[in-house]
Amino acid sequence: MTDLLRFLLRHAILGMAIGIAFTAVLLVLDVGHLRRLTEGRLTGLGVRLLLAFFIGSTFASLQMGIAVMYNPPGDGASDDADDGAGED
């Protein structure tokens, strides 16, 4: 796995975890009566999982974008020793 892919995957997982935690806080605090709306229904668990997935993917994309934009040019995922000749 290349350094760039590892860098992006690490930040995507971090953003997804933050998004799932944010969704849990929304449900615990019952913001907009989300918990009350989804607890008595048969499909409530599916709605909660979809909410966590979509908020998590939004936070993951945001975290990856921030990480890429704030990464200094000579730091992190760049590989100065590789000249692109195809050597392993």
Foldseek 3Di string as FASTA:
>chain_A
DAQVVVLLVVLLVVQLVVLLVVLVVCLVVCVVVLVVVLVPDPCSVVVSVVSSVVSSNVSSVVSSVVCVVPADPVDTRDDPVDPPPPDD
